Amino acid sequence: MSTQKYDVEKLLSEGKAIRFPISGWSMYPFLSDGDIVTIEPIQDRKLHINDVIVYRRTDGPLIIHRIMKITNDGFWFCGDNQSSLEGPLQRKQLLGIMTSFSHNGMETSSDQAFYRIASAGWRVLCPFRPGIAKTVHTLKQLLK
């Protein structure tokens, strides 16, 4: 894998789609560390709950998380492996939208029906994620 660095904001502001590996586990179980995402510029695109967005936090880092709710105050986000909402973020902080991802070499469109249904269901379970994770971890330990 290439270690070349890209100016994500510059490329997206120029209207270019980009592909890069994600780092971290905040979007597990749908995205894992090292999965490749395709991000397209947001521009004037209408955004929806459940879209996965690259945004810049006010304290600096770029983040890729899912829109959980949209209010008059802005956009609220959460990683798929988290249960706390972050927001409100303003549209000017949102840089790009995920249009596909590659996991274990299999490319999946963000518009694919199964992905949309499964990720929407997981989004609804946000308050219960810590308990689900604990149960799964316990089951894994018991099955060892």
Foldseek 3Di string as FASTA:
>chain_A
DDPDDDPLQVCQVVFHKDKDFDADDLQPPVHDGGKIWIWTFCVVPDDDFQWWFWFADPVGDTDTFTFLDADPQATWTGHLLAQDIDDDDHPVRTTTTTQWIADPNDIDGCPDPVNSVVSVVSSVCSNVNVVVVVVVVVVVVVVD
